[in-house]
Amino acid sequence: MTRRGTSTGTVVRWDEQARGAVVEVPGLPGDCWADAAAVDPAGGTLRAGQVVTVDWVEEPAHGRPFRAVRVRRREDLQATPGA
């Protein structure tokens, strides 16, 4: 059975060439790949350090063990670098 869930995470980096981001999600044993198409509003970009809400599924993508099916920016929270 494939695991899935919704969590708050932090963007590690945006890859312009691949049109997606690596998102660190506490509690998941590995990073999550977020394709630009999963960013709400559709096709948006993300920046390193940005806090997001991620609907994820345990399905490998771009070398990461998890894939985001929807990503929403959290304007109400800010990441603490190095935390």
PDB file of N, CA and C in Angstrom:
ATOM      1  N   MET A   1       0.838  -1.183   0.000  1.00  0.00           N
ATOM      2  CA  MET A   1       0.000   0.000   0.000  1.00  0.00           C
ATOM      3  C   MET A   1       0.884   1.247   0.000  1.00  0.00           C
ATOM      4  N   THR A   2       0.574   2.164  -0.872  1.00  0.00           N
ATOM      5  CA  THR A   2       1.337   3.398  -1.000  1.00  0.00           C
ATOM      6  C   THR A   2       0.935   4.387   0.085  1.00  0.00           C
ATOM      7  N   ARG A   3       1.945   4.931   0.767  1.00  0.00           N
ATOM      8  CA  ARG A   3       1.664   5.944   1.787  1.00  0.00           C
ATOM      9  C   ARG A   3       1.417   7.281   1.112  1.00  0.00           C
ATOM     10  N   ARG A   4       0.566   8.076   1.725  1.00  0.00           N
ATOM     11  CA  ARG A   4       0.319   9.438   1.266  1.00  0.00           C
ATOM     12  C   ARG A   4      -0.083  10.286   2.449  1.00  0.00           C
ATOM     13  N   GLY A   5       0.041  11.591   2.304  1.00  0.00           N
ATOM     14  CA  GLY A   5      -0.321  12.460   3.405  1.00  0.00           C
ATOM     15  C   GLY A   5      -0.168  13.921   3.050  1.00  0.00           C
ATOM     16  N   THR A   6      -0.401  14.760   4.021  1.00  0.00           N
ATOM     17  CA  THR A   6      -0.238  16.205   3.878  1.00  0.00           C
ATOM     18  C   THR A   6       0.636  16.674   5.026  1.00  0.00           C
ATOM     19  N   SER A   7       1.681  17.429   4.705  1.00  0.00           N
ATOM     20  CA  SER A   7       2.636  17.895   5.715  1.00  0.00           C
ATOM     21  C   SER A   7       3.120  19.296   5.365  1.00  0.00           C
ATOM     22  N   THR A   8       3.704  19.945   6.348  1.00  0.00           N
ATOM     23  CA  THR A   8       4.376  21.220   6.120  1.00  0.00           C
ATOM     24  C   THR A   8       5.849  20.929   5.892  1.00  0.00           C
ATOM     25  N   GLY A   9       6.423  21.541   4.860  1.00  0.00           N
ATOM     26  CA  GLY A   9       7.821  21.308   4.543  1.00  0.00           C
ATOM     27  C   GLY A   9       8.522  22.601   4.157  1.00  0.00           C
ATOM     28  N   THR A  10       9.826  22.481   3.883  1.00  0.00           N
ATOM     29  CA  THR A  10      10.642  23.626   3.491  1.00  0.00           C
ATOM     30  C   THR A  10      11.335  23.316   2.174  1.00  0.00           C
ATOM     31  N   VAL A  11      11.280  24.262   1.253  1.00  0.00           N
ATOM     32  CA  VAL A  11      11.941  24.098  -0.037  1.00  0.00           C
ATOM     33  C   VAL A  11      13.447  24.148   0.177  1.00  0.00           C
ATOM     34  N   VAL A  12      14.141  23.100  -0.271  1.00  0.00           N
ATOM     35  CA  VAL A  12      15.599  23.043  -0.173  1.00  0.00           C
ATOM     36  C   VAL A  12      16.217  23.798  -1.339  1.00  0.00           C
ATOM     37  N   ARG A  13      15.701  23.518  -2.545  1.00  0.00           N
ATOM     38  CA  ARG A  13      16.193  24.232  -3.731  1.00  0.00           C
ATOM     39  C   ARG A  13      15.200  24.102  -4.861  1.00  0.00           C
ATOM     40  N   TRP A  14      15.222  25.105  -5.740  1.00  0.00           N
ATOM     41  CA  TRP A  14      14.424  25.098  -6.966  1.00  0.00           C
ATOM     42  C   TRP A  14      15.369  24.780  -8.112  1.00  0.00           C
ATOM     43  N   ASP A  15      14.991  23.835  -8.970  1.00  0.00           N
ATOM     44  CA  ASP A  15      15.794  23.452 -10.128  1.00  0.00           C
ATOM     45  C   ASP A  15      15.083  23.960 -11.372  1.00  0.00           C
ATOM     46  N   GLU A  16      15.563  25.083 -11.892  1.00  0.00           N
ATOM     47  CA  GLU A  16      14.924  25.715 -13.043  1.00  0.00           C
ATOM     48  C   GLU A  16      14.949  24.812 -14.271  1.00  0.00           C
ATOM     49  N   GLN A  17      16.046  24.113 -14.480  1.00  0.00           N
ATOM     50  CA  GLN A  17      16.170  23.245 -15.650  1.00  0.00           C
ATOM     51  C   GLN A  17      15.157  22.092 -15.600  1.00  0.00           C
ATOM     52  N   ALA A  18      14.966  21.501 -14.436  1.00  0.00           N
ATOM     53  CA  ALA A  18      14.026  20.386 -14.279  1.00  0.00           C
ATOM     54  C   ALA A  18      12.607  20.879 -13.982  1.00  0.00           C
ATOM     55  N   ARG A  19      12.456  22.184 -13.749  1.00  0.00           N
ATOM     56  CA  ARG A  19      11.162  22.788 -13.425  1.00  0.00           C
ATOM     57  C   ARG A  19      10.498  22.111 -12.223  1.00  0.00           C
ATOM     58  N   GLY A  20      11.246  22.085 -11.118  1.00  0.00           N
ATOM     59  CA  GLY A  20      10.716  21.510  -9.897  1.00  0.00           C
ATOM     60  C   GLY A  20      11.591  21.842  -8.713  1.00  0.00           C
ATOM     61  N   ALA A  21      11.168  21.379  -7.553  1.00  0.00           N
ATOM     62  CA  ALA A  21      11.876  21.684  -6.315  1.00  0.00           C
ATOM     63  C   ALA A  21      12.063  20.439  -5.474  1.00  0.00           C
ATOM     64  N   VAL A  22      13.107  20.478  -4.664  1.00  0.00           N
ATOM     65  CA  VAL A  22      13.327  19.474  -3.636  1.00  0.00           C
ATOM     66  C   VAL A  22      12.772  20.083  -2.349  1.00  0.00           C
ATOM     67  N   VAL A  23      11.883  19.338  -1.683  1.00  0.00           N
ATOM     68  CA  VAL A  23      11.245  19.817  -0.463  1.00  0.00           C
ATOM     69  C   VAL A  23      11.581  18.859   0.676  1.00  0.00           C
ATOM     70  N   GLU A  24      12.047  19.414   1.780  1.00  0.00           N
ATOM     71  CA  GLU A  24      12.318  18.622   2.980  1.00  0.00           C
ATOM     72  C   GLU A  24      11.057  18.622   3.833  1.00  0.00           C
ATOM     73  N   VAL A  25      10.586  17.418   4.163  1.00  0.00           N
ATOM     74  CA  VAL A  25       9.377  17.275   4.960  1.00  0.00           C
ATOM     75  C   VAL A  25       9.723  16.511   6.235  1.00  0.00           C
ATOM     76  N   PRO A  26       9.658  17.179   7.397  1.00  0.00           N
ATOM     77  CA  PRO A  26       9.946  16.489   8.654  1.00  0.00           C
ATOM     78  C   PRO A  26       9.057  15.256   8.807  1.00  0.00           C
ATOM     79  N   GLY A  27       9.657  14.179   9.256  1.00  0.00           N
ATOM     80  CA  GLY A  27       8.908  12.948   9.455  1.00  0.00           C
ATOM     81  C   GLY A  27       8.957  11.988   8.282  1.00  0.00           C
ATOM     82  N   LEU A  28       9.379  12.462   7.116  1.00  0.00           N
ATOM     83  CA  LEU A  28       9.530  11.571   5.964  1.00  0.00           C
ATOM     84  C   LEU A  28      10.989  11.151   5.849  1.00  0.00           C
ATOM     85  N   PRO A  29      11.240   9.872   5.588  1.00  0.00           N
ATOM     86  CA  PRO A  29      12.623   9.392   5.465  1.00  0.00           C
ATOM     87  C   PRO A  29      13.201   9.668   4.080  1.00  0.00           C
ATOM     88  N   GLY A  30      13.304  10.926   3.740  1.00  0.00           N
ATOM     89  CA  GLY A  30      13.845  11.334   2.443  1.00  0.00           C
ATOM     90  C   GLY A  30      13.104  12.554   1.945  1.00  0.00           C
ATOM     91  N   ASP A  31      13.710  13.199   0.955  1.00  0.00           N
ATOM     92  CA  ASP A  31      13.122  14.412   0.400  1.00  0.00           C
ATOM     93  C   ASP A  31      11.969  14.100  -0.538  1.00  0.00           C
ATOM     94  N   CYS A  32      11.238  15.148  -0.883  1.00  0.00           N
ATOM     95  CA  CYS A  32      10.074  15.055  -1.755  1.00  0.00           C
ATOM     96  C   CYS A  32      10.342  15.900  -2.996  1.00  0.00           C
ATOM     97  N   TRP A  33      10.045  15.366  -4.173  1.00  0.00           N
ATOM     98  CA  TRP A  33      10.178  16.124  -5.418  1.00  0.00           C
ATOM     99  C   TRP A  33       8.847  16.801  -5.716  1.00  0.00           C
ATOM    100  N   ALA A  34       8.897  18.095  -6.006  1.00  0.00           N
ATOM    101  CA  ALA A  34       7.698  18.859  -6.338  1.00  0.00           C
ATOM    102  C   ALA A  34       7.848  19.435  -7.735  1.00  0.00           C
ATOM    103  N   ASP A  35       7.169  18.857  -8.686  1.00  0.00           N
ATOM    104  CA  ASP A  35       7.190  19.350 -10.056  1.00  0.00           C
ATOM    105  C   ASP A  35       6.433  20.678 -10.113  1.00  0.00           C
ATOM    106  N   ALA A  36       6.833  21.569 -11.008  1.00  0.00           N
ATOM    107  CA  ALA A  36       6.184  22.868 -11.127  1.00  0.00           C
ATOM    108  C   ALA A  36       4.683  22.738 -11.349  1.00  0.00           C
ATOM    109  N   ALA A  37       4.253  21.682 -12.027  1.00  0.00           N
ATOM    110  CA  ALA A  37       2.826  21.475 -12.288  1.00  0.00           C
ATOM    111  C   ALA A  37       2.038  21.212 -11.001  1.00  0.00           C
ATOM    112  N   ALA A  38       2.710  20.801  -9.932  1.00  0.00           N
ATOM    113  CA  ALA A  38       2.035  20.524  -8.668  1.00  0.00           C
ATOM    114  C   ALA A  38       1.895  21.767  -7.797  1.00  0.00           C
ATOM    115  N   VAL A  39       2.582  22.848  -8.179  1.00  0.00           N
ATOM    116  CA  VAL A  39       2.554  24.080  -7.385  1.00  0.00           C
ATOM    117  C   VAL A  39       1.249  24.826  -7.644  1.00  0.00           C
ATOM    118  N   ASP A  40       0.571  25.199  -6.554  1.00  0.00           N
ATOM    119  CA  ASP A  40      -0.690  25.923  -6.640  1.00  0.00           C
ATOM    120  C   ASP A  40      -0.438  27.378  -6.288  1.00  0.00           C
ATOM    121  N   PRO A  41      -0.689  28.356  -7.144  1.00  0.00           N
ATOM    122  CA  PRO A  41      -1.336  28.222  -8.442  1.00  0.00           C
ATOM    123  C   PRO A  41      -0.435  27.517  -9.451  1.00  0.00           C
ATOM    124  N   ALA A  42      -1.077  26.833 -10.384  1.00  0.00           N
ATOM    125  CA  ALA A  42      -0.397  25.965 -11.350  1.00  0.00           C
ATOM    126  C   ALA A  42       0.770  26.655 -12.046  1.00  0.00           C
ATOM    127  N   GLY A  43       1.855  25.906 -12.128  1.00  0.00           N
ATOM    128  CA  GLY A  43       3.020  26.374 -12.870  1.00  0.00           C
ATOM    129  C   GLY A  43       3.895  27.378 -12.149  1.00  0.00           C
ATOM    130  N   GLY A  44       3.634  27.629 -10.894  1.00  0.00           N
ATOM    131  CA  GLY A  44       4.430  28.593 -10.153  1.00  0.00           C
ATOM    132  C   GLY A  44       5.811  28.060  -9.818  1.00  0.00           C
ATOM    133  N   THR A  45       6.665  28.943  -9.357  1.00  0.00           N
ATOM    134  CA  THR A  45       7.991  28.540  -8.915  1.00  0.00           C
ATOM    135  C   THR A  45       8.077  28.710  -7.406  1.00  0.00           C
ATOM    136  N   LEU A  46       9.070  28.054  -6.824  1.00  0.00           N
ATOM    137  CA  LEU A  46       9.317  28.134  -5.395  1.00  0.00           C
ATOM    138  C   LEU A  46      10.741  28.616  -5.176  1.00  0.00           C
ATOM    139  N   ARG A  47      11.048  29.058  -3.974  1.00  0.00           N
ATOM    140  CA  ARG A  47      12.411  29.510  -3.673  1.00  0.00           C
ATOM    141  C   ARG A  47      12.926  28.770  -2.439  1.00  0.00           C
ATOM    142  N   ALA A  48      14.216  28.624  -2.371  1.00  0.00           N
ATOM    143  CA  ALA A  48      14.846  27.953  -1.230  1.00  0.00           C
ATOM    144  C   ALA A  48      14.467  28.671   0.061  1.00  0.00           C
ATOM    145  N   GLY A  49      14.118  27.892   1.086  1.00  0.00           N
ATOM    146  CA  GLY A  49      13.745  28.442   2.380  1.00  0.00           C
ATOM    147  C   GLY A  49      12.260  28.715   2.528  1.00  0.00           C
ATOM    148  N   GLN A  50      11.523  28.609   1.443  1.00  0.00           N
ATOM    149  CA  GLN A  50      10.084  28.873   1.485  1.00  0.00           C
ATOM    150  C   GLN A  50       9.358  27.719   2.184  1.00  0.00           C
ATOM    151  N   VAL A  51       8.417  28.049   3.046  1.00  0.00           N
ATOM    152  CA  VAL A  51       7.624  27.047   3.744  1.00  0.00           C
ATOM    153  C   VAL A  51       6.380  26.764   2.910  1.00  0.00           C
ATOM    154  N   VAL A  52       6.071  25.476   2.752  1.00  0.00           N
ATOM    155  CA  VAL A  52       4.957  25.054   1.910  1.00  0.00           C
ATOM    156  C   VAL A  52       4.162  23.940   2.590  1.00  0.00           C
ATOM    157  N   THR A  53       2.927  23.786   2.181  1.00  0.00           N
ATOM    158  CA  THR A  53       2.122  22.628   2.558  1.00  0.00           C
ATOM    159  C   THR A  53       2.171  21.681   1.375  1.00  0.00           C
ATOM    160  N   VAL A  54       2.496  20.423   1.645  1.00  0.00           N
ATOM    161  CA  VAL A  54       2.705  19.435   0.581  1.00  0.00           C
ATOM    162  C   VAL A  54       1.742  18.261   0.748  1.00  0.00           C
ATOM    163  N   ASP A  55       0.979  17.982  -0.303  1.00  0.00           N
ATOM    164  CA  ASP A  55       0.226  16.731  -0.379  1.00  0.00           C
ATOM    165  C   ASP A  55       1.174  15.783  -1.113  1.00  0.00           C
ATOM    166  N   TRP A  56       1.630  14.726  -0.446  1.00  0.00           N
ATOM    167  CA  TRP A  56       2.669  13.857  -0.990  1.00  0.00           C
ATOM    168  C   TRP A  56       2.201  12.413  -1.104  1.00  0.00           C
ATOM    169  N   VAL A  57       2.934  11.682  -1.936  1.00  0.00           N
ATOM    170  CA  VAL A  57       2.695  10.256  -2.111  1.00  0.00           C
ATOM    171  C   VAL A  57       4.057   9.561  -2.142  1.00  0.00           C
ATOM    172  N   GLU A  58       4.128   8.366  -1.580  1.00  0.00           N
ATOM    173  CA  GLU A  58       5.382   7.611  -1.587  1.00  0.00           C
ATOM    174  C   GLU A  58       5.529   6.952  -2.959  1.00  0.00           C
ATOM    175  N   GLU A  59       6.119   7.721  -3.855  1.00  0.00           N
ATOM    176  CA  GLU A  59       6.309   7.310  -5.241  1.00  0.00           C
ATOM    177  C   GLU A  59       7.551   8.045  -5.746  1.00  0.00           C
ATOM    178  N   PRO A  60       8.631   7.329  -6.049  1.00  0.00           N
ATOM    179  CA  PRO A  60       9.878   7.986  -6.438  1.00  0.00           C
ATOM    180  C   PRO A  60       9.731   8.909  -7.652  1.00  0.00           C
ATOM    181  N   ALA A  61      10.445  10.043  -7.580  1.00  0.00           N
ATOM    182  CA  ALA A  61      10.471  11.008  -8.674  1.00  0.00           C
ATOM    183  C   ALA A  61      11.768  11.794  -8.588  1.00  0.00           C
ATOM    184  N   HIS A  62      12.471  11.916  -9.694  1.00  0.00           N
ATOM    185  CA  HIS A  62      13.731  12.665  -9.769  1.00  0.00           C
ATOM    186  C   HIS A  62      14.725  12.236  -8.692  1.00  0.00           C
ATOM    187  N   GLY A  63      14.792  10.948  -8.419  1.00  0.00           N
ATOM    188  CA  GLY A  63      15.747  10.418  -7.449  1.00  0.00           C
ATOM    189  C   GLY A  63      15.349  10.608  -5.999  1.00  0.00           C
ATOM    190  N   ARG A  64      14.152  11.091  -5.749  1.00  0.00           N
ATOM    191  CA  ARG A  64      13.656  11.287  -4.382  1.00  0.00           C
ATOM    192  C   ARG A  64      12.601  10.222  -4.089  1.00  0.00           C
ATOM    193  N   PRO A  65      12.476   9.769  -2.840  1.00  0.00           N
ATOM    194  CA  PRO A  65      11.520   8.694  -2.534  1.00  0.00           C
ATOM    195  C   PRO A  65      10.050   9.124  -2.501  1.00  0.00           C
ATOM    196  N   PHE A  66       9.800  10.428  -2.462  1.00  0.00           N
ATOM    197  CA  PHE A  66       8.433  10.927  -2.395  1.00  0.00           C
ATOM    198  C   PHE A  66       8.185  11.942  -3.507  1.00  0.00           C
ATOM    199  N   ARG A  67       6.921  12.071  -3.915  1.00  0.00           N
ATOM    200  CA  ARG A  67       6.533  13.010  -4.958  1.00  0.00           C
ATOM    201  C   ARG A  67       5.362  13.840  -4.452  1.00  0.00           C
ATOM    202  N   ALA A  68       5.429  15.143  -4.692  1.00  0.00           N
ATOM    203  CA  ALA A  68       4.333  16.030  -4.311  1.00  0.00           C
ATOM    204  C   ALA A  68       3.251  15.986  -5.386  1.00  0.00           C
ATOM    205  N   VAL A  69       1.998  15.876  -4.945  1.00  0.00           N
ATOM    206  CA  VAL A  69       0.888  15.942  -5.886  1.00  0.00           C
ATOM    207  C   VAL A  69       0.250  17.330  -5.863  1.00  0.00           C
ATOM    208  N   ARG A  70       0.494  18.074  -4.786  1.00  0.00           N
ATOM    209  CA  ARG A  70       0.043  19.463  -4.687  1.00  0.00           C
ATOM    210  C   ARG A  70       0.916  20.185  -3.673  1.00  0.00           C
ATOM    211  N   VAL A  71       1.307  21.411  -4.014  1.00  0.00           N
ATOM    212  CA  VAL A  71       2.136  22.237  -3.125  1.00  0.00           C
ATOM    213  C   VAL A  71       1.485  23.612  -3.019  1.00  0.00           C
ATOM    214  N   ARG A  72       1.299  24.067  -1.779  1.00  0.00           N
ATOM    215  CA  ARG A  72       0.737  25.394  -1.545  1.00  0.00           C
ATOM    216  C   ARG A  72       1.711  26.205  -0.705  1.00  0.00           C
ATOM    217  N   ARG A  73       1.960  27.429  -1.132  1.00  0.00           N
ATOM    218  CA  ARG A  73       2.849  28.320  -0.380  1.00  0.00           C
ATOM    219  C   ARG A  73       2.203  28.705   0.949  1.00  0.00           C
ATOM    220  N   ARG A  74       3.027  28.805   2.002  1.00  0.00           N
ATOM    221  CA  ARG A  74       2.557  29.228   3.321  1.00  0.00           C
ATOM    222  C   ARG A  74       3.117  30.610   3.589  1.00  0.00           C
ATOM    223  N   GLU A  75       2.327  31.619   3.414  1.00  0.00           N
ATOM    224  CA  GLU A  75       2.763  32.995   3.662  1.00  0.00           C
ATOM    225  C   GLU A  75       2.748  33.311   5.152  1.00  0.00           C
ATOM    226  N   ASP A  76       2.068  32.458   5.945  1.00  0.00           N
ATOM    227  CA  ASP A  76       1.942  32.718   7.368  1.00  0.00           C
ATOM    228  C   ASP A  76       3.114  32.160   8.176  1.00  0.00           C
ATOM    229  N   LEU A  77       4.016  31.394   7.526  1.00  0.00           N
ATOM    230  CA  LEU A  77       5.154  30.802   8.217  1.00  0.00           C
ATOM    231  C   LEU A  77       6.444  31.137   7.474  1.00  0.00           C
ATOM    232  N   GLN A  78       7.542  31.215   8.215  1.00  0.00           N
ATOM    233  CA  GLN A  78       8.846  31.433   7.613  1.00  0.00           C
ATOM    234  C   GLN A  78       9.794  30.368   8.132  1.00  0.00           C
ATOM    235  N   ALA A  79      10.655  29.907   7.242  1.00  0.00           N
ATOM    236  CA  ALA A  79      11.644  28.892   7.637  1.00  0.00           C
ATOM    237  C   ALA A  79      12.759  29.537   8.440  1.00  0.00           C
ATOM    238  N   THR A  80      13.398  28.763   9.275  1.00  0.00           N
ATOM    239  CA  THR A  80      14.562  29.204  10.013  1.00  0.00           C
ATOM    240  C   THR A  80      15.766  28.465   9.431  1.00  0.00           C
ATOM    241  N   PRO A  81      16.594  29.146   8.616  1.00  0.00           N
ATOM    242  CA  PRO A  81      17.741  28.473   8.005  1.00  0.00           C
ATOM    243  C   PRO A  81      18.607  27.784   9.055  1.00  0.00           C
ATOM    244  N   GLY A  82      18.975  26.552   8.766  1.00  0.00           N
ATOM    245  CA  GLY A  82      19.845  25.810   9.646  1.00  0.00           C
ATOM    246  C   GLY A  82      19.138  25.139  10.814  1.00  0.00           C
ATOM    247  N   ALA A  83      17.837  25.305  10.894  1.00  0.00           N
ATOM    248  CA  ALA A  83      17.088  24.696  12.004  1.00  0.00           C
ATOM    249  C   ALA A  83      16.687  23.278  11.670  1.00  0.00           C
TER     250      ALA A  83
END
